């Protein structure tokens, strides 16, 4: 079966997400110190992070929506300081969100995306709340599917099927690429897509499966060290999926 489109995870696939989140937390803290010193004093970075984790624990219905979690966290932080309501919550979130989207893509990401997009339509499927428009990559994607907007997160099959529907393709004609064994490989495979595991750290599959609580019997169709390898493989194979798991050089 030929691959006619590619779906891609975003965080830790196109860029490392942890540095962006840490920078966003610092940016929020700096904004609070400038505009609401009392809130900053009451909720330094570690305390704000703990509050967000508490919100996530208390609101499992928002597990797919990191933006809603963050906004609710800010509402509670401000309310605890006697500042319920007002525009400050949205302003504080914007300080956070602007920095969250100042990601540093992996060196291979943009060149590979440009090469891939020149051959096949691309669609992003993300549980995170990154904005490809702000990041400057939106023009390379035919569609963007986010858990927040769709209302359901990976590894649910429905979000993968939504991406396929937007492409107008059957799942077996779409290759999903991502770093997470459970969310990306297991989720996409169960939804009927072909799968490519992006293994940037040369970790054994069994080790990563155990770390992510993924079923041991599941394995990706392809494995690449970076997106450049994927682009090269696609050019060589003319989008025809192999029978084996590991891409050949």
Protein backbone atom coordinates (compact mmCIF):
# COMPACT_ATOMS: atom_id res chain seq x y z
CA UNK A 1 0.00 0.00 0.00
CA UNK A 2 1.41 3.36 -1.01
CA UNK A 3 1.91 6.21 1.44
CA UNK A 4 0.02 9.25 0.12
CA UNK A 5 0.40 11.61 3.09
CA UNK A 6 2.37 11.99 6.29
CA UNK A 7 1.10 12.96 9.72
CA UNK A 8 3.56 14.28 12.28
CA UNK A 9 3.69 14.78 16.00
CA UNK A 10 5.12 18.18 17.04
CA UNK A 11 6.66 18.35 20.54
CA UNK A 12 9.89 16.32 20.78
CA UNK A 13 9.50 15.40 17.12
CA UNK A 14 10.13 18.76 15.45
CA UNK A 15 11.68 20.46 18.49
CA UNK A 16 12.58 19.61 22.11
CA UNK A 17 9.63 20.74 24.18
CA UNK A 18 11.12 20.92 27.68
CA UNK A 19 13.34 23.97 27.01
CA UNK A 20 10.35 25.81 25.53
CA UNK A 21 8.15 25.05 28.55
CA UNK A 22 10.86 26.10 30.99
CA UNK A 23 11.40 29.34 29.07
CA UNK A 24 7.65 29.97 29.04
CA UNK A 25 7.41 29.50 32.79
CA UNK A 26 10.24 31.97 33.27
CA UNK A 27 8.61 34.45 30.90
CA UNK A 28 5.35 34.22 32.82
CA UNK A 29 7.17 34.75 36.10
CA UNK A 30 8.97 37.80 34.71
CA UNK A 31 5.67 39.24 33.44
CA UNK A 32 4.02 38.73 36.82
CA UNK A 33 6.94 40.42 38.56
CA UNK A 34 6.54 43.45 36.33
CA UNK A 35 2.75 43.70 36.43
CA UNK A 36 1.52 41.83 39.51
CA UNK A 37 4.33 41.58 42.04
CA UNK A 38 2.09 40.14 44.76
CA UNK A 39 1.01 37.26 42.51
CA UNK A 40 4.60 36.62 41.51
CA UNK A 41 5.64 36.51 45.16
CA UNK A 42 2.83 34.13 46.07
CA UNK A 43 3.29 31.90 43.02
CA UNK A 44 6.94 31.57 41.97
CA UNK A 45 7.75 29.16 39.16
CA UNK A 46 7.78 25.97 41.25
CA UNK A 47 4.55 26.88 43.04
CA UNK A 48 2.81 27.79 39.78
CA UNK A 49 3.95 24.49 38.29
CA UNK A 50 2.56 22.60 41.28
CA UNK A 51 -0.74 24.47 40.97
CA UNK A 52 -0.99 23.51 37.33
CA UNK A 53 -0.36 19.87 38.20
CA UNK A 54 -3.10 20.12 40.81
CA UNK A 55 -5.50 21.55 38.25
CA UNK A 56 -4.63 18.74 35.83
CA UNK A 57 -5.29 16.17 38.55
CA UNK A 58 -8.61 17.73 39.56
CA UNK A 59 -9.84 18.23 36.00
CA UNK A 60 -9.28 15.03 34.00
CA UNK A 61 -11.89 16.35 31.58
CA UNK A 62 -9.25 18.89 30.48
CA UNK A 63 -6.50 16.32 29.91
CA UNK A 64 -6.63 17.04 26.16
CA UNK A 65 -6.50 20.83 26.59
CA UNK A 66 -3.27 22.27 27.98
CA UNK A 67 -4.41 25.81 27.21
CA UNK A 68 -7.53 25.43 29.35
CA UNK A 69 -5.44 23.91 32.14
CA UNK A 70 -3.03 26.84 32.04
CA UNK A 71 -5.81 29.45 31.99
CA UNK A 72 -7.56 27.81 34.94
CA UNK A 73 -4.25 27.70 36.81
CA UNK A 74 -3.78 31.43 36.27
CA UNK A 75 -7.35 32.17 37.31
CA UNK A 76 -6.77 30.35 40.59
CA UNK A 77 -3.42 32.04 41.19
CA UNK A 78 -4.87 35.51 40.66
CA UNK A 79 -8.02 34.73 42.67
CA UNK A 80 -5.89 33.58 45.62
CA UNK A 81 -4.38 37.07 45.60
CA UNK A 82 -7.77 38.81 45.46
CA UNK A 83 -7.75 39.40 41.71
CA UNK A 84 -10.66 37.37 40.41
CA UNK A 85 -11.77 38.21 36.88
CA UNK A 86 -10.27 40.83 34.60
CA UNK A 87 -8.02 40.87 31.57
CA UNK A 88 -4.90 39.97 33.54
CA UNK A 89 -5.45 36.22 33.11
CA UNK A 90 -5.44 36.45 29.31
CA UNK A 91 -2.49 38.86 29.39
CA UNK A 92 -0.50 36.55 31.65
CA UNK A 93 -1.32 33.59 29.43
CA UNK A 94 -0.13 35.50 26.37
CA UNK A 95 3.21 36.15 28.09
CA UNK A 96 3.49 32.43 28.69
CA UNK A 97 2.21 31.35 25.28
CA UNK A 98 4.43 33.66 23.25
CA UNK A 99 7.49 32.14 24.90
CA UNK A 100 6.11 28.61 24.62
CA UNK A 101 6.07 29.05 20.85
CA UNK A 102 9.65 30.31 20.68
CA UNK A 103 10.88 26.79 20.02
CA UNK A 104 14.24 25.84 18.58
CA UNK A 105 13.61 23.22 15.93
CA UNK A 106 15.98 20.32 15.56
CA UNK A 107 18.50 21.10 12.82
CA UNK A 108 16.99 18.47 10.52
CA UNK A 109 13.37 19.51 11.01
CA UNK A 110 12.75 22.40 8.61
CA UNK A 111 14.82 21.06 5.68
CA UNK A 112 13.15 17.68 6.04
CA UNK A 113 9.68 19.18 6.30
CA UNK A 114 10.30 21.21 3.16
CA UNK A 115 11.44 18.10 1.32
CA UNK A 116 8.50 16.05 2.58
CA UNK A 117 5.93 18.75 1.85
CA UNK A 118 7.22 18.99 -1.72
CA UNK A 119 6.30 15.32 -2.24
CA UNK A 120 3.23 14.68 -0.06
CA UNK A 121 0.65 16.59 2.00
CA UNK A 122 1.55 16.91 5.69
CA UNK A 123 -0.80 17.07 8.66
CA UNK A 124 0.16 17.68 12.29
CA UNK A 125 -1.43 15.67 15.10
CA UNK A 126 -0.53 17.03 18.51
CA UNK A 127 -1.64 16.72 22.11
CA UNK A 128 0.22 19.94 22.88
CA UNK A 129 -0.80 23.53 22.29
CA UNK A 130 2.01 24.74 20.04
CA UNK A 131 0.98 27.14 17.27
CA UNK A 132 2.64 26.32 13.95
CA UNK A 133 1.68 29.76 12.65
CA UNK A 134 3.61 31.53 15.41
CA UNK A 135 6.50 29.12 15.00
CA UNK A 136 6.65 29.77 11.26
CA UNK A 137 5.96 26.27 9.95
CA UNK A 138 2.23 26.44 9.18
CA UNK A 139 2.77 26.89 5.45
CA UNK A 140 4.32 23.44 5.20
CA UNK A 141 1.23 21.68 6.55
CA UNK A 142 -1.99 21.05 4.68
CA UNK A 143 -3.87 20.56 7.95
CA UNK A 144 -3.34 20.82 11.70
CA UNK A 145 -5.21 18.63 14.18
CA UNK A 146 -4.83 19.49 17.86
CA UNK A 147 -6.25 17.58 20.79
CA UNK A 148 -7.53 20.85 22.23
CA UNK A 149 -9.63 21.71 19.20
CA UNK A 150 -10.68 18.16 18.40
CA UNK A 151 -11.65 17.33 21.99
CA UNK A 152 -9.67 14.11 22.24
CA UNK A 153 -5.98 13.30 22.56
CA UNK A 154 -3.63 10.67 21.23
CA UNK A 155 -3.51 7.68 21.45
CA UNK A 156 -7.26 7.69 20.76
CA UNK A 157 -7.94 6.39 17.27
CA UNK A 158 -10.47 9.14 16.60
CA UNK A 159 -7.89 11.93 16.40
CA UNK A 160 -5.87 9.98 13.83
CA UNK A 161 -9.03 9.28 11.85
CA UNK A 162 -9.84 12.99 11.92
CA UNK A 163 -6.48 13.74 10.32
CA UNK A 164 -7.12 11.12 7.64
CA UNK A 165 -10.58 12.53 6.99
CA UNK A 166 -9.17 16.02 6.48
CA UNK A 167 -6.71 14.57 4.01
CA UNK A 168 -9.44 12.59 2.29
CA UNK A 169 -7.39 9.41 2.62
CA UNK A 170 -7.81 5.96 4.13
CA UNK A 171 -5.70 5.40 7.27
CA UNK A 172 -3.52 2.79 5.55
CA UNK A 173 -2.38 5.46 3.08
CA UNK A 174 -1.04 7.73 5.84
CA UNK A 175 2.31 7.35 7.58
CA UNK A 176 2.36 8.77 11.11
CA UNK A 177 5.70 9.97 12.47
CA UNK A 178 6.39 10.64 16.14
CA UNK A 179 8.70 10.09 19.08
CA UNK A 180 6.34 8.56 21.63
CA UNK A 181 5.92 4.76 21.51
CA UNK A 182 2.46 4.82 23.09
CA UNK A 183 0.91 8.04 21.82
CA UNK A 184 2.37 7.92 18.33
CA UNK A 185 3.25 4.35 17.39
CA UNK A 186 0.61 2.38 19.29
CA UNK A 187 -2.08 5.01 18.77
CA UNK A 188 -1.52 5.36 15.05
CA UNK A 189 -1.09 1.64 14.47
CA UNK A 190 -4.35 0.83 16.24
CA UNK A 191 -6.06 3.49 14.11
CA UNK A 192 -4.87 1.70 10.98
CA UNK A 193 -2.05 4.07 9.94
CA UNK A 194 1.47 3.04 9.04
CA UNK A 195 3.98 4.18 11.65
CA UNK A 196 7.49 5.60 11.80
CA UNK A 197 9.19 5.92 15.17
CA UNK A 198 11.53 8.91 15.46
CA UNK A 199 14.29 7.61 17.72
CA UNK A 200 16.60 10.61 18.15
CA UNK A 201 18.39 9.11 21.15
CA UNK A 202 19.19 5.67 19.72
CA UNK A 203 17.21 4.02 22.51
CA UNK A 204 16.30 0.32 22.23
CA UNK A 205 12.64 -0.08 21.30
CA UNK A 206 11.98 -2.45 24.23
CA UNK A 207 13.40 0.10 26.67
CA UNK A 208 11.24 2.92 25.33
CA UNK A 209 8.17 0.71 25.27
CA UNK A 210 8.64 -0.10 28.95
CA UNK A 211 9.19 3.56 29.84
CA UNK A 212 5.96 4.60 28.10
CA UNK A 213 3.85 1.65 29.24
CA UNK A 214 3.22 0.62 25.65
CA UNK A 215 2.34 -2.95 24.65
CA UNK A 216 5.52 -4.94 24.06
CA UNK A 217 4.10 -6.73 21.02
CA UNK A 218 3.66 -3.49 19.07
CA UNK A 219 6.51 -2.31 16.82
CA UNK A 220 6.72 0.54 14.29
CA UNK A 221 6.84 -0.11 10.57
CA UNK A 222 9.84 2.21 10.27
CA UNK A 223 12.46 3.71 12.56
CA UNK A 224 14.54 6.82 11.89
CA UNK A 225 17.16 8.74 13.84
CA UNK A 226 15.89 12.07 12.49
CA UNK A 227 13.53 13.54 9.95
CA UNK A 228 16.29 13.82 7.37
CA UNK A 229 16.46 10.03 7.28
CA UNK A 230 12.72 9.90 6.70
CA UNK A 231 12.93 12.39 3.82
CA UNK A 232 15.80 10.43 2.27
CA UNK A 233 13.95 7.15 2.63
CA UNK A 234 10.84 8.60 1.06
CA UNK A 235 12.83 9.91 -1.90
CA UNK A 236 14.50 6.52 -2.42
CA UNK A 237 11.42 4.39 -2.01
CA UNK A 238 8.93 6.67 -3.74
CA UNK A 239 6.65 6.43 -0.69
CA UNK A 240 6.33 2.64 -0.84
CA UNK A 241 6.24 1.16 2.72
CA UNK A 242 8.64 -1.71 3.48
CA UNK A 243 7.74 -5.05 4.94
CA UNK A 244 10.21 -4.75 7.81
CA UNK A 245 10.46 -2.46 10.79
CA UNK A 246 13.86 -0.83 10.46
CA UNK A 247 14.49 1.41 7.45
CA UNK A 248 17.45 0.24 5.40
CA UNK A 249 20.25 2.71 4.59
